[in-house]
Amino acid sequence: MMVHRTDTLRLALAMACAPVLSTAIAQDAPPRPGFGVKADEADTGSNLKRSVILGPLPYDKTYAELSAEQQRMLKSRYVQMAESDEPPFPADGLGPLHKAILRASEIARVGTGKLEMEILVDASGAASRVEVLQSPDAKLSQYAGNIAMLTKFKPAICNGKPCAMGFPVSIVFERR
């Protein structure tokens, strides 16, 4: 990802009613506590790769690798989830999914806008359907839907058995 000082892409991943709440760091914003994903390349005039995505969950961990507190926080975003139930979660963690959607936004040349989609994950962990609820660009909708369909998930657990459940995603794109 190429990030220029004059055209800094800020990606804010906010998931109201979703399993994860994450935000992007603006070039001049103070650091926030949490876990981040670094840019693929350093900003112009620097050797330091800055964080472009920041959130309360680590992006490089699977659901099983999350702490008990992080798993509770994730589960609290779902309505009526029993203590022994688990939500679906990307099998390789959040990083690959979020990075791929960020790259897709660059290809689609998205300026500003919000992408909201619901990924239905079946009992085997495959995305069976993606419903784009809101998008700033038709091309981005197609790219993000394809990315979601190719993502392997840990299936949700309902009453001790794998079950189908939605994984909502909400992403706000802003150019500075």
C-alpha atoms as a PDB file:
ATOM      1  CA  MET A   1       0.000   0.000   0.000  1.00  0.00           C
ATOM      2  CA  MET A   2       1.438   3.366  -1.031  1.00  0.00           C
ATOM      3  CA  VAL A   3       0.540   6.168   1.374  1.00  0.00           C
ATOM      4  CA  HIS A   4       1.370   9.779   0.447  1.00  0.00           C
ATOM      5  CA  ARG A   5       1.429  12.705   2.820  1.00  0.00           C
ATOM      6  CA  THR A   6      -0.965  14.665   0.576  1.00  0.00           C
ATOM      7  CA  ASP A   7      -3.390  11.799   0.110  1.00  0.00           C
ATOM      8  CA  THR A   8      -3.365   9.808   3.351  1.00  0.00           C
ATOM      9  CA  LEU A   9      -5.950   7.046   3.368  1.00  0.00           C
ATOM     10  CA  ARG A  10      -7.622   6.670   6.751  1.00  0.00           C
ATOM     11  CA  LEU A  11      -9.497   3.484   7.303  1.00  0.00           C
ATOM     12  CA  ALA A  12     -11.836   3.414  10.290  1.00  0.00           C
ATOM     13  CA  LEU A  13     -13.256  -0.041  10.943  1.00  0.00           C
ATOM     14  CA  ALA A  14     -16.201   0.511  13.219  1.00  0.00           C
ATOM     15  CA  MET A  15     -18.481  -2.357  13.824  1.00  0.00           C
ATOM     16  CA  ALA A  16     -21.592  -1.242  15.616  1.00  0.00           C
ATOM     17  CA  CYS A  17     -23.532  -4.417  16.189  1.00  0.00           C
ATOM     18  CA  ALA A  18     -20.474  -6.203  14.879  1.00  0.00           C
ATOM     19  CA  PRO A  19     -17.933  -8.422  16.531  1.00  0.00           C
ATOM     20  CA  VAL A  20     -15.010  -6.004  16.328  1.00  0.00           C
ATOM     21  CA  LEU A  21     -14.517  -2.274  16.766  1.00  0.00           C
ATOM     22  CA  SER A  22     -11.414  -0.863  15.138  1.00  0.00           C
ATOM     23  CA  THR A  23     -10.290   2.535  13.910  1.00  0.00           C
ATOM     24  CA  ALA A  24      -7.577   3.915  11.660  1.00  0.00           C
ATOM     25  CA  ILE A  25      -4.923   6.319  12.780  1.00  0.00           C
ATOM     26  CA  ALA A  26      -4.704   9.607  10.944  1.00  0.00           C
ATOM     27  CA  GLN A  27      -1.219  10.815  10.132  1.00  0.00           C
ATOM     28  CA  ASP A  28      -1.407  13.486  12.818  1.00  0.00           C
ATOM     29  CA  ALA A  29      -3.591  11.668  15.359  1.00  0.00           C
ATOM     30  CA  PRO A  30      -2.132  10.660  18.724  1.00  0.00           C
ATOM     31  CA  PRO A  31      -1.510   6.942  19.218  1.00  0.00           C
ATOM     32  CA  ARG A  32      -4.335   4.960  20.792  1.00  0.00           C
ATOM     33  CA  PRO A  33      -4.040   1.812  22.864  1.00  0.00           C
ATOM     34  CA  GLY A  34      -4.795  -1.386  21.027  1.00  0.00           C
ATOM     35  CA  PHE A  35      -3.466  -3.605  18.287  1.00  0.00           C
ATOM     36  CA  GLY A  36      -2.480  -2.360  14.872  1.00  0.00           C
ATOM     37  CA  VAL A  37      -1.683  -3.309  11.311  1.00  0.00           C
ATOM     38  CA  LYS A  38       1.287  -1.475   9.780  1.00  0.00           C
ATOM     39  CA  ALA A  39       1.266  -0.012   6.286  1.00  0.00           C
ATOM     40  CA  ASP A  40       2.998  -2.139   3.647  1.00  0.00           C
ATOM     41  CA  GLU A  41       5.326   0.748   2.825  1.00  0.00           C
ATOM     42  CA  ALA A  42       6.635   3.714   4.774  1.00  0.00           C
ATOM     43  CA  ASP A  43       5.187   7.173   4.246  1.00  0.00           C
ATOM     44  CA  THR A  44       7.063   9.477   1.860  1.00  0.00           C
ATOM     45  CA  GLY A  45      10.216  10.776   3.520  1.00  0.00           C
ATOM     46  CA  SER A  46      10.283   8.144   6.269  1.00  0.00           C
ATOM     47  CA  ASN A  47      11.617   4.671   6.912  1.00  0.00           C
ATOM     48  CA  LEU A  48       8.996   4.025   9.571  1.00  0.00           C
ATOM     49  CA  LYS A  49       5.876   2.102   8.631  1.00  0.00           C
ATOM     50  CA  ARG A  50       2.914   3.601  10.473  1.00  0.00           C
ATOM     51  CA  SER A  51      -0.211   1.871  11.677  1.00  0.00           C
ATOM     52  CA  VAL A  52      -3.154   2.282   9.305  1.00  0.00           C
ATOM     53  CA  ILE A  53      -5.634   0.147  11.239  1.00  0.00           C
ATOM     54  CA  LEU A  54      -6.008   0.087  15.000  1.00  0.00           C
ATOM     55  CA  GLY A  55      -8.482  -1.867  17.065  1.00  0.00           C
ATOM     56  CA  PRO A  56      -9.098  -3.566  20.394  1.00  0.00           C
ATOM     57  CA  LEU A  57      -8.360  -7.072  19.076  1.00  0.00           C
ATOM     58  CA  PRO A  58      -5.064  -8.359  17.690  1.00  0.00           C
ATOM     59  CA  TYR A  59      -5.164  -8.763  13.915  1.00  0.00           C
ATOM     60  CA  ASP A  60      -2.730 -11.672  13.830  1.00  0.00           C
ATOM     61  CA  LYS A  61      -4.537 -14.020  16.228  1.00  0.00           C
ATOM     62  CA  THR A  62      -7.169 -16.655  15.651  1.00  0.00           C
ATOM     63  CA  TYR A  63     -10.247 -16.851  17.871  1.00  0.00           C
ATOM     64  CA  ALA A  64      -8.593 -19.591  19.987  1.00  0.00           C
ATOM     65  CA  GLU A  65      -5.529 -17.360  20.500  1.00  0.00           C
ATOM     66  CA  LEU A  66      -7.582 -14.428  21.821  1.00  0.00           C
ATOM     67  CA  SER A  67      -7.560 -13.973  25.578  1.00  0.00           C
ATOM     68  CA  ALA A  68     -10.698 -14.882  27.520  1.00  0.00           C
ATOM     69  CA  GLU A  69     -11.391 -11.146  27.968  1.00  0.00           C
ATOM     70  CA  GLN A  70     -11.034 -10.481  24.223  1.00  0.00           C
ATOM     71  CA  GLN A  71     -13.369 -13.399  23.450  1.00  0.00           C
ATOM     72  CA  ARG A  72     -15.931 -12.018  25.943  1.00  0.00           C
ATOM     73  CA  MET A  73     -15.714  -8.578  24.339  1.00  0.00           C
ATOM     74  CA  LEU A  74     -16.288 -10.119  20.911  1.00  0.00           C
ATOM     75  CA  LYS A  75     -19.243 -12.201  22.111  1.00  0.00           C
ATOM     76  CA  SER A  76     -20.821  -9.194  23.825  1.00  0.00           C
ATOM     77  CA  ARG A  77     -21.422  -7.658  20.383  1.00  0.00           C
ATOM     78  CA  TYR A  78     -23.913 -10.419  19.580  1.00  0.00           C
ATOM     79  CA  VAL A  79     -27.447 -10.410  20.971  1.00  0.00           C
ATOM     80  CA  GLN A  80     -28.535 -13.406  23.040  1.00  0.00           C
ATOM     81  CA  MET A  81     -25.322 -15.404  22.830  1.00  0.00           C
ATOM     82  CA  ALA A  82     -25.061 -18.030  25.573  1.00  0.00           C
ATOM     83  CA  GLU A  83     -21.854 -18.359  27.585  1.00  0.00           C
ATOM     84  CA  SER A  84     -20.864 -21.595  25.814  1.00  0.00           C
ATOM     85  CA  ASP A  85     -21.670 -20.229  22.324  1.00  0.00           C
ATOM     86  CA  GLU A  86     -19.058 -18.624  20.063  1.00  0.00           C
ATOM     87  CA  PRO A  87     -19.369 -16.195  17.131  1.00  0.00           C
ATOM     88  CA  PRO A  88     -17.811 -16.887  13.732  1.00  0.00           C
ATOM     89  CA  PHE A  89     -14.330 -15.435  13.250  1.00  0.00           C
ATOM     90  CA  PRO A  90     -11.890 -15.326  10.322  1.00  0.00           C
ATOM     91  CA  ALA A  91      -9.778 -18.512  10.551  1.00  0.00           C
ATOM     92  CA  ASP A  92      -6.505 -16.602  10.034  1.00  0.00           C
ATOM     93  CA  GLY A  93      -7.517 -13.638  12.203  1.00  0.00           C
ATOM     94  CA  LEU A  94      -8.810 -10.226  11.236  1.00  0.00           C
ATOM     95  CA  GLY A  95      -5.631  -8.959   9.526  1.00  0.00           C
ATOM     96  CA  PRO A  96      -5.893 -10.713   6.151  1.00  0.00           C
ATOM     97  CA  LEU A  97      -9.569  -9.772   5.705  1.00  0.00           C
ATOM     98  CA  HIS A  98      -9.067  -6.130   6.685  1.00  0.00           C
ATOM     99  CA  LYS A  99      -5.864  -5.731   4.643  1.00  0.00           C
ATOM    100  CA  ALA A 100      -7.521  -7.212   1.540  1.00  0.00           C
ATOM    101  CA  ILE A 101     -10.490  -4.837   1.833  1.00  0.00           C
ATOM    102  CA  LEU A 102      -8.092  -1.912   2.320  1.00  0.00           C
ATOM    103  CA  ARG A 103      -6.249  -2.895  -0.887  1.00  0.00           C
ATOM    104  CA  ALA A 104      -9.593  -3.229  -2.691  1.00  0.00           C
ATOM    105  CA  SER A 105     -10.513   0.306  -1.619  1.00  0.00           C
ATOM    106  CA  GLU A 106      -7.292   1.562  -3.214  1.00  0.00           C
ATOM    107  CA  ILE A 107      -8.004  -0.314  -6.468  1.00  0.00           C
ATOM    108  CA  ALA A 108     -11.552   1.064  -6.541  1.00  0.00           C
ATOM    109  CA  ARG A 109     -10.144   4.517  -5.677  1.00  0.00           C
ATOM    110  CA  VAL A 110     -12.652   5.010  -2.888  1.00  0.00           C
ATOM    111  CA  GLY A 111     -12.523   8.522  -1.471  1.00  0.00           C
ATOM    112  CA  THR A 112     -14.954   8.601   1.390  1.00  0.00           C
ATOM    113  CA  GLY A 113     -17.917   6.537   2.389  1.00  0.00           C
ATOM    114  CA  LYS A 114     -19.079   3.588   4.416  1.00  0.00           C
ATOM    115  CA  LEU A 115     -19.043  -0.096   3.498  1.00  0.00           C
ATOM    116  CA  GLU A 116     -21.410  -2.285   5.497  1.00  0.00           C
ATOM    117  CA  MET A 117     -21.826  -5.953   4.773  1.00  0.00           C
ATOM    118  CA  GLU A 118     -23.087  -9.088   6.464  1.00  0.00           C
ATOM    119  CA  ILE A 119     -21.162 -12.294   5.801  1.00  0.00           C
ATOM    120  CA  LEU A 120     -23.218 -15.414   6.482  1.00  0.00           C
ATOM    121  CA  VAL A 121     -20.826 -18.124   7.672  1.00  0.00           C
ATOM    122  CA  ASP A 122     -22.150 -21.691   7.412  1.00  0.00           C
ATOM    123  CA  ALA A 123     -21.538 -24.539   9.874  1.00  0.00           C
ATOM    124  CA  SER A 124     -18.400 -25.618   7.985  1.00  0.00           C
ATOM    125  CA  GLY A 125     -16.787 -22.142   8.229  1.00  0.00           C
ATOM    126  CA  ALA A 126     -17.360 -21.133   4.610  1.00  0.00           C
ATOM    127  CA  ALA A 127     -18.936 -17.829   3.664  1.00  0.00           C
ATOM    128  CA  SER A 128     -22.206 -18.852   2.042  1.00  0.00           C
ATOM    129  CA  ARG A 129     -23.588 -15.392   1.296  1.00  0.00           C
ATOM    130  CA  VAL A 130     -22.506 -11.784   1.477  1.00  0.00           C
ATOM    131  CA  GLU A 131     -25.038  -9.012   1.643  1.00  0.00           C
ATOM    132  CA  VAL A 132     -23.687  -5.526   0.994  1.00  0.00           C
ATOM    133  CA  LEU A 133     -25.956  -3.158   2.878  1.00  0.00           C
ATOM    134  CA  GLN A 134     -24.164   0.095   2.071  1.00  0.00           C
ATOM    135  CA  SER A 135     -21.173   0.975  -0.097  1.00  0.00           C
ATOM    136  CA  PRO A 136     -19.467   4.107  -1.398  1.00  0.00           C
ATOM    137  CA  ASP A 137     -18.671   2.398  -4.711  1.00  0.00           C
ATOM    138  CA  ALA A 138     -20.112  -0.473  -6.773  1.00  0.00           C
ATOM    139  CA  LYS A 139     -16.634  -1.769  -7.660  1.00  0.00           C
ATOM    140  CA  LEU A 140     -15.673  -1.871  -3.981  1.00  0.00           C
ATOM    141  CA  SER A 141     -18.884  -3.782  -3.204  1.00  0.00           C
ATOM    142  CA  GLN A 142     -17.917  -6.430  -5.735  1.00  0.00           C
ATOM    143  CA  TYR A 143     -14.286  -6.647  -4.537  1.00  0.00           C
ATOM    144  CA  ALA A 144     -15.231  -6.791  -0.848  1.00  0.00           C
ATOM    145  CA  GLY A 145     -17.916  -9.399  -1.523  1.00  0.00           C
ATOM    146  CA  ASN A 146     -15.426 -11.573  -3.405  1.00  0.00           C
ATOM    147  CA  ILE A 147     -12.855 -11.183  -0.627  1.00  0.00           C
ATOM    148  CA  ALA A 148     -15.445 -12.165   1.976  1.00  0.00           C
ATOM    149  CA  MET A 149     -16.542 -15.227  -0.015  1.00  0.00           C
ATOM    150  CA  LEU A 150     -12.921 -16.414  -0.259  1.00  0.00           C
ATOM    151  CA  THR A 151     -12.257 -15.950   3.457  1.00  0.00           C
ATOM    152  CA  LYS A 152     -12.286 -19.100   5.586  1.00  0.00           C
ATOM    153  CA  PHE A 153     -13.939 -18.709   8.993  1.00  0.00           C
ATOM    154  CA  LYS A 154     -14.080 -20.550  12.261  1.00  0.00           C
ATOM    155  CA  PRO A 155     -17.778 -21.395  12.343  1.00  0.00           C
ATOM    156  CA  ALA A 156     -20.030 -20.154  15.101  1.00  0.00           C
ATOM    157  CA  ILE A 157     -20.817 -22.581  17.935  1.00  0.00           C
ATOM    158  CA  CYS A 158     -24.448 -22.851  19.071  1.00  0.00           C
ATOM    159  CA  ASN A 159     -25.322 -25.267  21.896  1.00  0.00           C
ATOM    160  CA  GLY A 160     -21.974 -27.039  21.456  1.00  0.00           C
ATOM    161  CA  LYS A 161     -22.340 -27.587  17.681  1.00  0.00           C
ATOM    162  CA  PRO A 162     -21.125 -25.642  14.647  1.00  0.00           C
ATOM    163  CA  CYS A 163     -23.906 -23.472  13.243  1.00  0.00           C
ATOM    164  CA  ALA A 164     -24.522 -20.756  10.665  1.00  0.00           C
ATOM    165  CA  MET A 165     -24.276 -17.166  11.876  1.00  0.00           C
ATOM    166  CA  GLY A 166     -23.587 -13.734  10.425  1.00  0.00           C
ATOM    167  CA  PHE A 167     -20.304 -11.862  10.706  1.00  0.00           C
ATOM    168  CA  PRO A 168     -21.078  -8.153  10.225  1.00  0.00           C
ATOM    169  CA  VAL A 169     -18.454  -5.775   8.841  1.00  0.00           C
ATOM    170  CA  SER A 170     -18.637  -1.979   8.814  1.00  0.00           C
ATOM    171  CA  ILE A 171     -15.798   0.101   7.342  1.00  0.00           C
ATOM    172  CA  VAL A 172     -15.601   3.874   6.957  1.00  0.00           C
ATOM    173  CA  PHE A 173     -13.178   5.227   4.343  1.00  0.00           C
ATOM    174  CA  GLU A 174     -11.865   8.798   4.447  1.00  0.00           C
ATOM    175  CA  ARG A 175      -9.210  10.590   2.413  1.00  0.00           C
ATOM    176  CA  ARG A 176      -7.336  13.491   3.921  1.00  0.00           C
END
